[in-house]
Amino acid sequence: MFETFGEIGNAERLVKAIINKRRVKRFETTFDMTELLTEEYDLNKKNQIGFLAKIFQALRIEVNNELENLNNVLRDSVDIIEKGGRIVIVSYHSLEDRIVKNFFKEESSRYRKSDNPYGDEEKNPRLKVLTKKPILPSFEEIKFNSRSRSAKLRAAEVI
């Protein structure tokens, strides 16, 4: 979970530290986790904030089942939205953005991968991608709202 959702290298070290700490004392607050992380890792203030964000991101994604929910919403949206309607997604980290980008690419393609030795199967695309590249926040927006710095907007039209 920490490796996949938080993109933490050497996640085994973190997991062992959590297991050992929980043998001594049960975690009751996020501060317990933060304390463990600052004890286990020698992080300066700048790196500490980013590292903690990745850890809590991984926990949030797992607990809320966010990536599976995103996949479900994308799949369902194509069936629910009328032709000409638009799907607009704002993602806040690379895992979400990759799912959206690949879904839009797959649903806008005229071909489906196939075992056919003569080539891929033709299919009718269900989406027309409106944003070839994601739309990123401007410098002014980031200055006004620092949380927008990682936002990426992608849009597609149901055809």
N, C-alpha and C. Protein backbone atom coordinates (compact mmCIF):
# COMPACT_ATOMS: atom_id res chain seq x y z
N MET A 1 0.82 -1.19 0.00
CA MET A 1 0.00 0.00 0.00
C MET A 1 0.87 1.26 0.00
N PHE A 2 1.89 1.32 0.86
CA PHE A 2 2.75 2.50 0.91
C PHE A 2 3.57 2.64 -0.36
N GLU A 3 3.98 1.51 -0.90
CA GLU A 3 4.78 1.53 -2.13
C GLU A 3 3.92 1.91 -3.33
N THR A 4 2.75 1.31 -3.42
CA THR A 4 1.88 1.53 -4.58
C THR A 4 1.18 2.88 -4.53
N PHE A 5 0.52 3.20 -3.42
CA PHE A 5 -0.29 4.41 -3.34
C PHE A 5 0.50 5.64 -2.89
N GLY A 6 1.55 5.42 -2.09
CA GLY A 6 2.33 6.55 -1.61
C GLY A 6 3.62 6.73 -2.36
N GLU A 7 3.92 5.76 -3.23
CA GLU A 7 5.16 5.76 -4.02
C GLU A 7 6.38 5.94 -3.11
N ILE A 8 6.38 5.16 -2.02
CA ILE A 8 7.45 5.18 -1.03
C ILE A 8 8.44 4.07 -1.37
N GLY A 9 9.69 4.45 -1.51
CA GLY A 9 10.74 3.45 -1.72
C GLY A 9 11.04 2.75 -0.40
N ASN A 10 11.44 1.50 -0.46
CA ASN A 10 11.76 0.72 0.73
C ASN A 10 10.60 0.74 1.73
N ALA A 11 9.42 0.43 1.27
CA ALA A 11 8.23 0.43 2.11
C ALA A 11 8.31 -0.64 3.20
N GLU A 12 9.11 -1.67 2.97
CA GLU A 12 9.26 -2.74 3.97
C GLU A 12 9.78 -2.18 5.28
N ARG A 13 10.72 -1.24 5.20
CA ARG A 13 11.27 -0.62 6.40
C ARG A 13 10.17 0.09 7.19
N LEU A 14 9.32 0.81 6.51
CA LEU A 14 8.23 1.52 7.15
C LEU A 14 7.25 0.54 7.80
N VAL A 15 6.89 -0.52 7.08
CA VAL A 15 5.95 -1.50 7.60
C VAL A 15 6.51 -2.17 8.86
N LYS A 16 7.78 -2.54 8.84
CA LYS A 16 8.40 -3.16 10.02
C LYS A 16 8.39 -2.21 11.21
N ALA A 17 8.66 -0.94 10.97
CA ALA A 17 8.66 0.05 12.05
C ALA A 17 7.25 0.20 12.64
N ILE A 18 6.24 0.20 11.78
CA ILE A 18 4.85 0.31 12.25
C ILE A 18 4.49 -0.91 13.10
N ILE A 19 4.83 -2.09 12.61
CA ILE A 19 4.52 -3.33 13.35
C ILE A 19 5.20 -3.32 14.71
N ASN A 20 6.47 -2.96 14.74
CA ASN A 20 7.20 -2.94 16.01
C ASN A 20 6.63 -1.92 16.99
N LYS A 21 6.27 -0.75 16.50
CA LYS A 21 5.71 0.30 17.35
C LYS A 21 4.35 -0.12 17.89
N ARG A 22 3.55 -0.78 17.09
CA ARG A 22 2.21 -1.20 17.52
C ARG A 22 2.26 -2.33 18.53
N ARG A 23 3.35 -3.06 18.55
CA ARG A 23 3.52 -4.10 19.58
C ARG A 23 3.67 -3.46 20.96
N VAL A 24 4.24 -2.28 20.98
CA VAL A 24 4.47 -1.56 22.23
C VAL A 24 3.23 -0.74 22.62
N LYS A 25 2.68 -0.04 21.64
CA LYS A 25 1.55 0.85 21.91
C LYS A 25 0.65 0.94 20.68
N ARG A 26 -0.64 0.87 20.91
CA ARG A 26 -1.61 0.99 19.82
C ARG A 26 -1.65 2.43 19.30
N PHE A 27 -1.79 2.60 17.98
CA PHE A 27 -1.92 3.92 17.40
C PHE A 27 -3.35 4.42 17.66
N GLU A 28 -3.46 5.63 18.20
CA GLU A 28 -4.77 6.18 18.46
C GLU A 28 -5.03 7.45 17.67
N THR A 29 -3.98 8.15 17.28
CA THR A 29 -4.15 9.40 16.53
C THR A 29 -3.12 9.45 15.40
N THR A 30 -3.31 10.40 14.51
CA THR A 30 -2.33 10.59 13.44
C THR A 30 -1.00 11.05 14.00
N PHE A 31 -1.02 11.67 15.17
CA PHE A 31 0.23 12.11 15.80
C PHE A 31 1.10 10.91 16.19
N ASP A 32 0.47 9.78 16.53
CA ASP A 32 1.24 8.57 16.83
C ASP A 32 2.02 8.12 15.59
N MET A 33 1.38 8.19 14.45
CA MET A 33 2.05 7.82 13.19
C MET A 33 3.15 8.83 12.88
N THR A 34 2.87 10.10 13.03
CA THR A 34 3.86 11.14 12.76
C THR A 34 5.07 10.98 13.67
N GLU A 35 4.84 10.67 14.92
CA GLU A 35 5.93 10.46 15.88
C GLU A 35 6.81 9.29 15.43
N LEU A 36 6.19 8.20 15.04
CA LEU A 36 6.94 7.03 14.56
C LEU A 36 7.80 7.40 13.36
N LEU A 37 7.22 8.11 12.42
CA LEU A 37 7.94 8.47 11.19
C LEU A 37 9.12 9.38 11.48
N THR A 38 8.95 10.32 12.38
CA THR A 38 10.07 11.23 12.70
C THR A 38 11.15 10.51 13.49
N GLU A 39 10.77 9.49 14.27
CA GLU A 39 11.76 8.68 14.99
C GLU A 39 12.52 7.77 14.03
N GLU A 40 11.81 7.18 13.10
CA GLU A 40 12.39 6.18 12.20
C GLU A 40 13.24 6.79 11.09
N TYR A 41 12.82 7.94 10.59
CA TYR A 41 13.49 8.55 9.45
C TYR A 41 14.12 9.88 9.85
N ASP A 42 15.33 10.10 9.38
CA ASP A 42 16.04 11.35 9.64
C ASP A 42 15.70 12.33 8.52
N LEU A 43 14.64 13.09 8.73
CA LEU A 43 14.15 14.00 7.69
C LEU A 43 14.30 15.44 8.15
N ASN A 44 14.78 16.29 7.23
CA ASN A 44 14.77 17.71 7.57
C ASN A 44 13.34 18.22 7.39
N LYS A 45 13.07 19.42 7.83
CA LYS A 45 11.70 19.96 7.83
C LYS A 45 11.06 19.95 6.45
N LYS A 46 11.84 20.30 5.43
CA LYS A 46 11.32 20.36 4.06
C LYS A 46 10.90 18.97 3.58
N ASN A 47 11.76 17.98 3.76
CA ASN A 47 11.47 16.62 3.32
C ASN A 47 10.41 15.94 4.17
N GLN A 48 10.32 16.33 5.44
CA GLN A 48 9.38 15.71 6.36
C GLN A 48 7.93 15.94 5.90
N ILE A 49 7.62 17.14 5.49
CA ILE A 49 6.25 17.46 5.08
C ILE A 49 5.85 16.64 3.86
N GLY A 50 6.72 16.57 2.86
CA GLY A 50 6.42 15.78 1.66
C GLY A 50 6.30 14.30 1.95
N PHE A 51 7.18 13.79 2.81
CA PHE A 51 7.16 12.36 3.16
C PHE A 51 5.87 12.03 3.92
N LEU A 52 5.53 12.85 4.89
CA LEU A 52 4.30 12.62 5.66
C LEU A 52 3.08 12.69 4.75
N ALA A 53 3.08 13.61 3.81
CA ALA A 53 1.96 13.72 2.88
C ALA A 53 1.79 12.43 2.08
N LYS A 54 2.89 11.85 1.64
CA LYS A 54 2.81 10.59 0.87
C LYS A 54 2.27 9.45 1.73
N ILE A 55 2.70 9.38 2.97
CA ILE A 55 2.24 8.32 3.87
C ILE A 55 0.74 8.44 4.10
N PHE A 56 0.29 9.63 4.45
CA PHE A 56 -1.13 9.81 4.73
C PHE A 56 -1.97 9.72 3.46
N GLN A 57 -1.39 10.06 2.32
CA GLN A 57 -2.08 9.87 1.03
C GLN A 57 -2.32 8.39 0.80
N ALA A 58 -1.31 7.57 1.02
CA ALA A 58 -1.45 6.13 0.82
C ALA A 58 -2.53 5.55 1.74
N LEU A 59 -2.53 5.97 2.99
CA LEU A 59 -3.55 5.50 3.93
C LEU A 59 -4.94 5.92 3.48
N ARG A 60 -5.09 7.18 3.06
CA ARG A 60 -6.39 7.69 2.62
C ARG A 60 -6.90 6.94 1.39
N ILE A 61 -6.01 6.73 0.42
CA ILE A 61 -6.40 6.03 -0.80
C ILE A 61 -6.88 4.61 -0.48
N GLU A 62 -6.16 3.94 0.39
CA GLU A 62 -6.52 2.56 0.77
C GLU A 62 -7.85 2.53 1.52
N VAL A 63 -7.97 3.35 2.55
CA VAL A 63 -9.16 3.33 3.40
C VAL A 63 -10.41 3.72 2.61
N ASN A 64 -10.30 4.72 1.77
CA ASN A 64 -11.46 5.21 1.01
C ASN A 64 -11.66 4.49 -0.32
N ASN A 65 -10.75 3.58 -0.66
CA ASN A 65 -10.86 2.82 -1.91
C ASN A 65 -10.97 3.77 -3.10
N GLU A 66 -10.15 4.83 -3.07
CA GLU A 66 -10.30 5.93 -4.02
C GLU A 66 -10.05 5.54 -5.48
N LEU A 67 -9.05 4.73 -5.74
CA LEU A 67 -8.73 4.43 -7.14
C LEU A 67 -9.80 3.53 -7.77
N GLU A 68 -10.32 2.58 -7.01
CA GLU A 68 -11.39 1.73 -7.54
C GLU A 68 -12.66 2.56 -7.76
N ASN A 69 -12.93 3.48 -6.83
CA ASN A 69 -14.09 4.35 -6.99
C ASN A 69 -13.95 5.24 -8.23
N LEU A 70 -12.74 5.74 -8.47
CA LEU A 70 -12.50 6.54 -9.67
C LEU A 70 -12.76 5.72 -10.93
N ASN A 71 -12.25 4.49 -10.97
CA ASN A 71 -12.50 3.61 -12.11
C ASN A 71 -14.00 3.38 -12.32
N ASN A 72 -14.72 3.16 -11.24
CA ASN A 72 -16.17 2.93 -11.34
C ASN A 72 -16.89 4.16 -11.87
N VAL A 73 -16.53 5.34 -11.38
CA VAL A 73 -17.16 6.58 -11.84
C VAL A 73 -16.89 6.80 -13.32
N LEU A 74 -15.67 6.58 -13.75
CA LEU A 74 -15.34 6.77 -15.16
C LEU A 74 -16.15 5.83 -16.04
N ARG A 75 -16.18 4.54 -15.68
CA ARG A 75 -16.93 3.56 -16.47
C ARG A 75 -18.41 3.91 -16.52
N ASP A 76 -18.97 4.22 -15.36
CA ASP A 76 -20.41 4.52 -15.29
C ASP A 76 -20.75 5.81 -16.02
N SER A 77 -19.86 6.78 -15.96
CA SER A 77 -20.16 8.09 -16.54
C SER A 77 -20.39 8.00 -18.05
N VAL A 78 -19.65 7.16 -18.74
CA VAL A 78 -19.82 7.03 -20.19
C VAL A 78 -21.20 6.47 -20.51
N ASP A 79 -21.72 5.60 -19.66
CA ASP A 79 -23.04 5.02 -19.89
C ASP A 79 -24.17 5.98 -19.50
N ILE A 80 -23.93 6.82 -18.53
CA ILE A 80 -24.98 7.69 -17.99
C ILE A 80 -25.11 9.00 -18.77
N ILE A 81 -23.98 9.57 -19.17
CA ILE A 81 -23.98 10.88 -19.82
C ILE A 81 -24.46 10.76 -21.26
N GLU A 82 -25.32 11.68 -21.66
CA GLU A 82 -25.85 11.68 -23.03
C GLU A 82 -24.77 12.10 -24.01
N LYS A 83 -24.98 11.73 -25.28
CA LYS A 83 -24.06 12.14 -26.34
C LYS A 83 -23.92 13.66 -26.34
N GLY A 84 -22.69 14.12 -26.46
CA GLY A 84 -22.41 15.54 -26.42
C GLY A 84 -22.09 16.04 -25.01
N GLY A 85 -22.41 15.22 -24.01
CA GLY A 85 -22.09 15.58 -22.63
C GLY A 85 -20.59 15.43 -22.39
N ARG A 86 -20.11 16.08 -21.36
CA ARG A 86 -18.67 16.08 -21.11
C ARG A 86 -18.33 15.51 -19.75
N ILE A 87 -17.20 14.83 -19.73
CA ILE A 87 -16.64 14.31 -18.49
C ILE A 87 -15.41 15.16 -18.21
N VAL A 88 -15.40 15.81 -17.06
CA VAL A 88 -14.27 16.65 -16.67
C VAL A 88 -13.78 16.15 -15.32
N ILE A 89 -12.51 15.78 -15.27
CA ILE A 89 -11.92 15.22 -14.06
C ILE A 89 -10.71 16.06 -13.65
N VAL A 90 -10.67 16.40 -12.36
CA VAL A 90 -9.50 17.05 -11.79
C VAL A 90 -8.83 16.02 -10.89
N SER A 91 -7.59 15.68 -11.21
CA SER A 91 -6.84 14.73 -10.39
C SER A 91 -5.77 15.48 -9.62
N TYR A 92 -5.38 14.91 -8.48
CA TYR A 92 -4.43 15.60 -7.62
C TYR A 92 -3.14 14.83 -7.39
N HIS A 93 -3.04 13.64 -7.95
CA HIS A 93 -1.76 12.94 -7.91
C HIS A 93 -1.65 12.01 -9.09
N SER A 94 -0.44 11.54 -9.32
CA SER A 94 -0.12 10.82 -10.55
C SER A 94 -0.92 9.53 -10.71
N LEU A 95 -1.26 8.86 -9.63
CA LEU A 95 -2.02 7.62 -9.74
C LEU A 95 -3.40 7.89 -10.33
N GLU A 96 -4.07 8.92 -9.82
CA GLU A 96 -5.39 9.29 -10.36
C GLU A 96 -5.26 9.74 -11.80
N ASP A 97 -4.29 10.60 -12.07
CA ASP A 97 -4.14 11.15 -13.42
C ASP A 97 -3.88 10.05 -14.44
N ARG A 98 -3.07 9.07 -14.08
CA ARG A 98 -2.76 7.96 -14.98
C ARG A 98 -4.02 7.17 -15.31
N ILE A 99 -4.87 6.94 -14.31
CA ILE A 99 -6.12 6.21 -14.54
C ILE A 99 -7.01 6.98 -15.51
N VAL A 100 -7.17 8.28 -15.29
CA VAL A 100 -8.02 9.11 -16.16
C VAL A 100 -7.46 9.15 -17.58
N LYS A 101 -6.14 9.39 -17.69
CA LYS A 101 -5.50 9.48 -19.00
C LYS A 101 -5.68 8.17 -19.78
N ASN A 102 -5.43 7.05 -19.14
CA ASN A 102 -5.54 5.76 -19.82
C ASN A 102 -6.99 5.42 -20.17
N PHE A 103 -7.92 5.78 -19.30
CA PHE A 103 -9.34 5.54 -19.59
C PHE A 103 -9.77 6.35 -20.81
N PHE A 104 -9.44 7.64 -20.83
CA PHE A 104 -9.79 8.48 -21.97
C PHE A 104 -9.16 7.96 -23.25
N LYS A 105 -7.91 7.54 -23.16
CA LYS A 105 -7.20 7.02 -24.34
C LYS A 105 -7.87 5.75 -24.86
N GLU A 106 -8.19 4.85 -23.96
CA GLU A 106 -8.82 3.58 -24.34
C GLU A 106 -10.21 3.79 -24.93
N GLU A 107 -10.99 4.66 -24.31
CA GLU A 107 -12.37 4.88 -24.77
C GLU A 107 -12.45 5.75 -26.02
N SER A 108 -11.37 6.43 -26.38
CA SER A 108 -11.37 7.25 -27.59
C SER A 108 -10.70 6.55 -28.76
N SER A 109 -10.13 5.39 -28.50
CA SER A 109 -9.42 4.64 -29.54
C SER A 109 -10.40 3.94 -30.48
N ARG A 110 -10.00 3.81 -31.74
CA ARG A 110 -10.81 3.09 -32.73
C ARG A 110 -10.45 1.60 -32.77
N TYR A 111 -9.47 1.21 -31.96
CA TYR A 111 -9.00 -0.17 -31.99
C TYR A 111 -8.91 -0.75 -30.58
N ARG A 112 -9.14 -2.04 -30.49
CA ARG A 112 -9.05 -2.78 -29.24
C ARG A 112 -7.98 -3.85 -29.42
N LYS A 113 -7.12 -3.99 -28.45
CA LYS A 113 -6.08 -5.03 -28.52
C LYS A 113 -6.75 -6.38 -28.67
N SER A 114 -6.13 -7.23 -29.50
CA SER A 114 -6.74 -8.51 -29.81
C SER A 114 -5.65 -9.56 -30.01
N ASP A 115 -6.03 -10.81 -29.84
CA ASP A 115 -5.12 -11.92 -30.11
C ASP A 115 -5.12 -12.29 -31.59
N ASN A 116 -5.93 -11.61 -32.36
CA ASN A 116 -6.05 -11.86 -33.79
C ASN A 116 -4.70 -11.62 -34.47
N PRO A 117 -4.18 -12.62 -35.19
CA PRO A 117 -2.87 -12.43 -35.83
C PRO A 117 -2.87 -11.40 -36.96
N TYR A 118 -4.05 -11.00 -37.40
CA TYR A 118 -4.15 -10.02 -38.49
C TYR A 118 -4.25 -8.58 -37.99
N GLY A 119 -4.21 -8.39 -36.70
CA GLY A 119 -4.23 -7.03 -36.16
C GLY A 119 -5.30 -6.84 -35.11
N ASP A 120 -5.33 -5.66 -34.58
CA ASP A 120 -6.30 -5.32 -33.53
C ASP A 120 -7.70 -5.22 -34.11
N GLU A 121 -8.70 -5.41 -33.25
CA GLU A 121 -10.10 -5.32 -33.66
C GLU A 121 -10.52 -3.86 -33.75
N GLU A 122 -11.34 -3.55 -34.75
CA GLU A 122 -11.89 -2.19 -34.84
C GLU A 122 -13.07 -2.08 -33.89
N LYS A 123 -13.25 -0.89 -33.32
CA LYS A 123 -14.40 -0.64 -32.44
C LYS A 123 -14.82 0.81 -32.59
N ASN A 124 -16.01 1.11 -32.14
CA ASN A 124 -16.49 2.48 -32.16
C ASN A 124 -16.02 3.18 -30.89
N PRO A 125 -15.31 4.28 -31.02
CA PRO A 125 -14.89 5.01 -29.82
C PRO A 125 -16.11 5.61 -29.12
N ARG A 126 -16.04 5.68 -27.80
CA ARG A 126 -17.15 6.22 -27.03
C ARG A 126 -16.87 7.64 -26.53
N LEU A 127 -15.60 8.06 -26.61
CA LEU A 127 -15.23 9.39 -26.15
C LEU A 127 -14.38 10.10 -27.19
N LYS A 128 -14.44 11.42 -27.14
CA LYS A 128 -13.53 12.27 -27.91
C LYS A 128 -12.77 13.09 -26.86
N VAL A 129 -11.45 12.91 -26.80
CA VAL A 129 -10.64 13.61 -25.81
C VAL A 129 -10.56 15.09 -26.19
N LEU A 130 -10.86 15.96 -25.25
CA LEU A 130 -10.86 17.41 -25.49
C LEU A 130 -9.57 18.07 -25.03
N THR A 131 -8.84 17.41 -24.15
CA THR A 131 -7.58 17.96 -23.62
C THR A 131 -6.46 16.97 -23.91
N LYS A 132 -5.70 17.24 -24.97
CA LYS A 132 -4.60 16.34 -25.32
C LYS A 132 -3.61 16.23 -24.16
N LYS A 133 -3.29 17.36 -23.58
CA LYS A 133 -2.43 17.43 -22.38
C LYS A 133 -3.30 17.94 -21.24
N PRO A 134 -2.97 17.60 -20.00
CA PRO A 134 -3.78 18.11 -18.90
C PRO A 134 -3.65 19.62 -18.77
N ILE A 135 -4.70 20.26 -18.31
CA ILE A 135 -4.66 21.69 -18.03
C ILE A 135 -4.16 21.86 -16.60
N LEU A 136 -3.12 22.66 -16.46
CA LEU A 136 -2.48 22.86 -15.16
C LEU A 136 -2.82 24.24 -14.61
N PRO A 137 -2.76 24.41 -13.30
CA PRO A 137 -3.06 25.73 -12.72
C PRO A 137 -1.99 26.74 -13.10
N SER A 138 -2.40 27.99 -13.23
CA SER A 138 -1.46 29.06 -13.54
C SER A 138 -0.64 29.40 -12.30
N PHE A 139 0.43 30.13 -12.52
CA PHE A 139 1.27 30.58 -11.41
C PHE A 139 0.45 31.39 -10.42
N GLU A 140 -0.43 32.26 -10.94
CA GLU A 140 -1.27 33.10 -10.09
C GLU A 140 -2.21 32.26 -9.23
N GLU A 141 -2.78 31.22 -9.84
CA GLU A 141 -3.70 30.37 -9.09
C GLU A 141 -2.96 29.62 -7.98
N ILE A 142 -1.77 29.13 -8.28
CA ILE A 142 -0.98 28.42 -7.28
C ILE A 142 -0.61 29.37 -6.14
N LYS A 143 -0.28 30.62 -6.50
CA LYS A 143 0.06 31.61 -5.49
C LYS A 143 -1.15 31.88 -4.58
N PHE A 144 -2.33 31.96 -5.17
CA PHE A 144 -3.56 32.22 -4.43
C PHE A 144 -4.01 30.98 -3.64
N ASN A 145 -3.82 29.79 -4.24
CA ASN A 145 -4.28 28.53 -3.64
C ASN A 145 -3.19 27.48 -3.82
N SER A 146 -2.33 27.33 -2.84
CA SER A 146 -1.18 26.43 -2.97
C SER A 146 -1.58 24.97 -3.17
N ARG A 147 -2.77 24.59 -2.74
CA ARG A 147 -3.22 23.20 -2.92
C ARG A 147 -3.48 22.87 -4.39
N SER A 148 -3.63 23.88 -5.21
CA SER A 148 -3.90 23.64 -6.63
C SER A 148 -2.65 23.21 -7.39
N ARG A 149 -1.48 23.29 -6.76
CA ARG A 149 -0.22 23.07 -7.48
C ARG A 149 -0.13 21.69 -8.15
N SER A 150 -0.79 20.69 -7.58
CA SER A 150 -0.69 19.36 -8.16
C SER A 150 -1.91 18.99 -9.02
N ALA A 151 -2.86 19.90 -9.18
CA ALA A 151 -4.08 19.62 -9.91
C ALA A 151 -3.84 19.50 -11.42
N LYS A 152 -4.51 18.52 -12.03
CA LYS A 152 -4.48 18.35 -13.48
C LYS A 152 -5.91 18.10 -13.94
N LEU A 153 -6.36 18.90 -14.90
CA LEU A 153 -7.71 18.76 -15.42
C LEU A 153 -7.66 18.09 -16.79
N ARG A 154 -8.50 17.09 -16.97
CA ARG A 154 -8.66 16.43 -18.27
C ARG A 154 -10.15 16.38 -18.59
N ALA A 155 -10.46 16.47 -19.89
CA ALA A 155 -11.87 16.48 -20.30
C ALA A 155 -12.06 15.65 -21.55
N ALA A 156 -13.24 15.05 -21.66
CA ALA A 156 -13.61 14.27 -22.84
C ALA A 156 -15.11 14.44 -23.09
N GLU A 157 -15.50 14.26 -24.35
CA GLU A 157 -16.91 14.38 -24.73
C GLU A 157 -17.42 13.01 -25.13
N VAL A 158 -18.62 12.69 -24.66
CA VAL A 158 -19.26 11.42 -25.02
C VAL A 158 -19.75 11.54 -26.46
N ILE A 159 -19.40 10.56 -27.31
CA ILE A 159 -19.84 10.59 -28.71
C ILE A 159 -20.73 9.42 -29.04
